[in-house]
Amino acid sequence: MSTKVIAGKSIQVNDEGFMLNPGEWTKEIAAEIAKEEGIPELTAGHWKVIDFCRQNAGDGKSPTLRTITNGTGLSTKELFTLFPKGPAKKVAHIAGLGKPEGCV
């Protein structure tokens, strides 16, 4: 466990950079993490997925890719367009949630 300054706030993160306390998350933090993940700007489509994940996180755990596609009505292809190279892991990171189970 370590501390990282994101959007001017000290945040507790694990060794992979995932936030340990989802309650510390803000939209400003999400925007900064998105930039680190190669997403320069969060659009309405991004926020739809992020908000869904935050609302459906059980004990700070991110929903699975299947849960996200079913819950948002977006296809897996659309999620890969919004969050390239591993949408479940990227959206969990941006949304301030734990790493999804089954992600490498």
C-alpha atoms as a PDB file:
ATOM      1  CA  MET A   1       0.000   0.000   0.000  1.00  0.00           C
ATOM      2  CA  SER A   2       1.213   3.480  -0.835  1.00  0.00           C
ATOM      3  CA  THR A   3      -0.029   7.020  -1.222  1.00  0.00           C
ATOM      4  CA  LYS A   4      -0.303   8.836  -4.530  1.00  0.00           C
ATOM      5  CA  VAL A   5      -1.272  12.449  -5.183  1.00  0.00           C
ATOM      6  CA  ILE A   6      -4.040  12.586  -7.799  1.00  0.00           C
ATOM      7  CA  ALA A   7      -5.841  15.837  -8.657  1.00  0.00           C
ATOM      8  CA  GLY A   8      -4.185  17.463  -5.640  1.00  0.00           C
ATOM      9  CA  LYS A   9      -5.394  14.841  -3.137  1.00  0.00           C
ATOM     10  CA  SER A  10      -3.389  12.148  -1.349  1.00  0.00           C
ATOM     11  CA  ILE A  11      -5.000   8.824  -2.163  1.00  0.00           C
ATOM     12  CA  GLN A  12      -4.252   5.349  -0.789  1.00  0.00           C
ATOM     13  CA  VAL A  13      -3.488   2.957  -3.671  1.00  0.00           C
ATOM     14  CA  ASN A  14      -2.346  -0.635  -3.970  1.00  0.00           C
ATOM     15  CA  ASP A  15       0.779  -1.816  -5.800  1.00  0.00           C
ATOM     16  CA  GLU A  16      -1.042  -1.604  -9.150  1.00  0.00           C
ATOM     17  CA  GLY A  17      -2.381   1.909  -8.543  1.00  0.00           C
ATOM     18  CA  PHE A  18      -5.991   0.965  -7.778  1.00  0.00           C
ATOM     19  CA  MET A  19      -7.633   3.088  -5.099  1.00  0.00           C
ATOM     20  CA  LEU A  20      -8.117   1.321  -1.775  1.00  0.00           C
ATOM     21  CA  ASN A  21     -10.963   3.533  -0.550  1.00  0.00           C
ATOM     22  CA  PRO A  22     -13.647   4.180  -3.203  1.00  0.00           C
ATOM     23  CA  GLY A  23     -15.066   6.883  -0.920  1.00  0.00           C
ATOM     24  CA  GLU A  24     -12.045   9.097  -1.703  1.00  0.00           C
ATOM     25  CA  TRP A  25     -12.962   9.134  -5.406  1.00  0.00           C
ATOM     26  CA  THR A  26     -14.055  12.316  -7.173  1.00  0.00           C
ATOM     27  CA  LYS A  27     -14.763  13.167 -10.806  1.00  0.00           C
ATOM     28  CA  GLU A  28     -11.547  15.210 -10.832  1.00  0.00           C
ATOM     29  CA  ILE A  29      -9.584  12.144  -9.749  1.00  0.00           C
ATOM     30  CA  ALA A  30     -11.321  10.120 -12.479  1.00  0.00           C
ATOM     31  CA  ALA A  31     -10.279  12.655 -15.124  1.00  0.00           C
ATOM     32  CA  GLU A  32      -6.630  12.525 -13.985  1.00  0.00           C
ATOM     33  CA  ILE A  33      -6.541   8.713 -13.909  1.00  0.00           C
ATOM     34  CA  ALA A  34      -8.163   8.624 -17.362  1.00  0.00           C
ATOM     35  CA  LYS A  35      -5.351  10.793 -18.721  1.00  0.00           C
ATOM     36  CA  GLU A  36      -2.810   8.381 -17.190  1.00  0.00           C
ATOM     37  CA  GLU A  37      -4.686   5.557 -18.964  1.00  0.00           C
ATOM     38  CA  GLY A  38      -4.444   7.338 -22.329  1.00  0.00           C
ATOM     39  CA  ILE A  39      -7.972   8.766 -22.377  1.00  0.00           C
ATOM     40  CA  PRO A  40      -7.535  12.541 -22.742  1.00  0.00           C
ATOM     41  CA  GLU A  41     -11.180  13.460 -22.114  1.00  0.00           C
ATOM     42  CA  LEU A  42     -14.097  11.650 -20.514  1.00  0.00           C
ATOM     43  CA  THR A  43     -17.211  11.877 -22.696  1.00  0.00           C
ATOM     44  CA  ALA A  44     -20.850  11.210 -21.818  1.00  0.00           C
ATOM     45  CA  GLY A  45     -20.294   7.611 -22.949  1.00  0.00           C
ATOM     46  CA  HIS A  46     -17.389   7.200 -20.537  1.00  0.00           C
ATOM     47  CA  TRP A  47     -19.415   8.667 -17.674  1.00  0.00           C
ATOM     48  CA  LYS A  48     -22.328   6.326 -18.412  1.00  0.00           C
ATOM     49  CA  VAL A  49     -20.011   3.354 -17.851  1.00  0.00           C
ATOM     50  CA  ILE A  50     -18.148   4.884 -14.881  1.00  0.00           C
ATOM     51  CA  ASP A  51     -21.383   5.849 -13.113  1.00  0.00           C
ATOM     52  CA  PHE A  52     -22.869   2.391 -13.740  1.00  0.00           C
ATOM     53  CA  CYS A  53     -19.780   0.704 -12.293  1.00  0.00           C
ATOM     54  CA  ARG A  54     -19.736   2.916  -9.209  1.00  0.00           C
ATOM     55  CA  GLN A  55     -23.446   2.307  -8.574  1.00  0.00           C
ATOM     56  CA  ASN A  56     -23.068  -1.464  -9.033  1.00  0.00           C
ATOM     57  CA  ALA A  57     -19.811  -2.026  -7.182  1.00  0.00           C
ATOM     58  CA  GLY A  58     -20.252  -4.580  -4.455  1.00  0.00           C
ATOM     59  CA  ASP A  59     -17.869  -3.913  -1.554  1.00  0.00           C
ATOM     60  CA  GLY A  60     -15.728  -1.733  -3.819  1.00  0.00           C
ATOM     61  CA  LYS A  61     -15.388  -4.521  -6.386  1.00  0.00           C
ATOM     62  CA  SER A  62     -15.855  -3.571  -9.997  1.00  0.00           C
ATOM     63  CA  PRO A  63     -18.577  -5.267 -12.040  1.00  0.00           C
ATOM     64  CA  THR A  64     -17.489  -7.778 -14.667  1.00  0.00           C
ATOM     65  CA  LEU A  65     -17.353  -6.884 -18.352  1.00  0.00           C
ATOM     66  CA  ARG A  66     -20.536  -8.886 -18.943  1.00  0.00           C
ATOM     67  CA  THR A  67     -22.343  -7.032 -16.155  1.00  0.00           C
ATOM     68  CA  ILE A  68     -21.213  -3.709 -17.624  1.00  0.00           C
ATOM     69  CA  THR A  69     -22.391  -4.571 -21.147  1.00  0.00           C
ATOM     70  CA  ASN A  70     -25.748  -5.866 -19.881  1.00  0.00           C
ATOM     71  CA  GLY A  71     -26.267  -2.939 -17.527  1.00  0.00           C
ATOM     72  CA  THR A  72     -25.256  -0.118 -19.865  1.00  0.00           C
ATOM     73  CA  GLY A  73     -26.599  -1.514 -23.119  1.00  0.00           C
ATOM     74  CA  LEU A  74     -23.193  -1.026 -24.740  1.00  0.00           C
ATOM     75  CA  SER A  75     -21.526  -3.792 -26.711  1.00  0.00           C
ATOM     76  CA  THR A  76     -18.110  -5.174 -25.840  1.00  0.00           C
ATOM     77  CA  LYS A  77     -16.819  -3.511 -29.020  1.00  0.00           C
ATOM     78  CA  GLU A  78     -18.158  -0.126 -27.851  1.00  0.00           C
ATOM     79  CA  LEU A  79     -16.498  -0.607 -24.455  1.00  0.00           C
ATOM     80  CA  PHE A  80     -13.177  -1.360 -26.145  1.00  0.00           C
ATOM     81  CA  THR A  81     -13.602   1.843 -28.173  1.00  0.00           C
ATOM     82  CA  LEU A  82     -14.215   3.892 -25.014  1.00  0.00           C
ATOM     83  CA  PHE A  83     -11.616   2.094 -22.872  1.00  0.00           C
ATOM     84  CA  PRO A  84      -9.004   0.542 -25.218  1.00  0.00           C
ATOM     85  CA  LYS A  85      -6.913  -2.485 -24.244  1.00  0.00           C
ATOM     86  CA  GLY A  86      -8.888  -3.874 -21.331  1.00  0.00           C
ATOM     87  CA  PRO A  87     -12.072  -1.941 -20.622  1.00  0.00           C
ATOM     88  CA  ALA A  88     -13.046  -3.677 -17.371  1.00  0.00           C
ATOM     89  CA  LYS A  89      -9.671  -2.993 -15.773  1.00  0.00           C
ATOM     90  CA  LYS A  90      -9.448   0.590 -17.083  1.00  0.00           C
ATOM     91  CA  VAL A  91     -12.945   1.572 -16.048  1.00  0.00           C
ATOM     92  CA  ALA A  92     -12.402   0.068 -12.583  1.00  0.00           C
ATOM     93  CA  HIS A  93      -9.191   2.083 -12.210  1.00  0.00           C
ATOM     94  CA  ILE A  94     -10.850   5.310 -13.413  1.00  0.00           C
ATOM     95  CA  ALA A  95     -13.958   4.705 -11.273  1.00  0.00           C
ATOM     96  CA  GLY A  96     -11.865   4.298  -8.116  1.00  0.00           C
ATOM     97  CA  LEU A  97     -12.799   0.659  -7.645  1.00  0.00           C
ATOM     98  CA  GLY A  98     -10.740  -2.449  -7.013  1.00  0.00           C
ATOM     99  CA  LYS A  99      -9.239  -4.478  -9.808  1.00  0.00           C
ATOM    100  CA  PRO A 100     -11.898  -6.711 -11.393  1.00  0.00           C
ATOM    101  CA  GLU A 101     -11.645 -10.395 -10.538  1.00  0.00           C
ATOM    102  CA  GLY A 102     -10.090 -12.408 -13.330  1.00  0.00           C
ATOM    103  CA  CYS A 103      -8.097  -9.490 -14.779  1.00  0.00           C
ATOM    104  CA  VAL A 104      -4.388 -10.063 -15.261  1.00  0.00           C
END
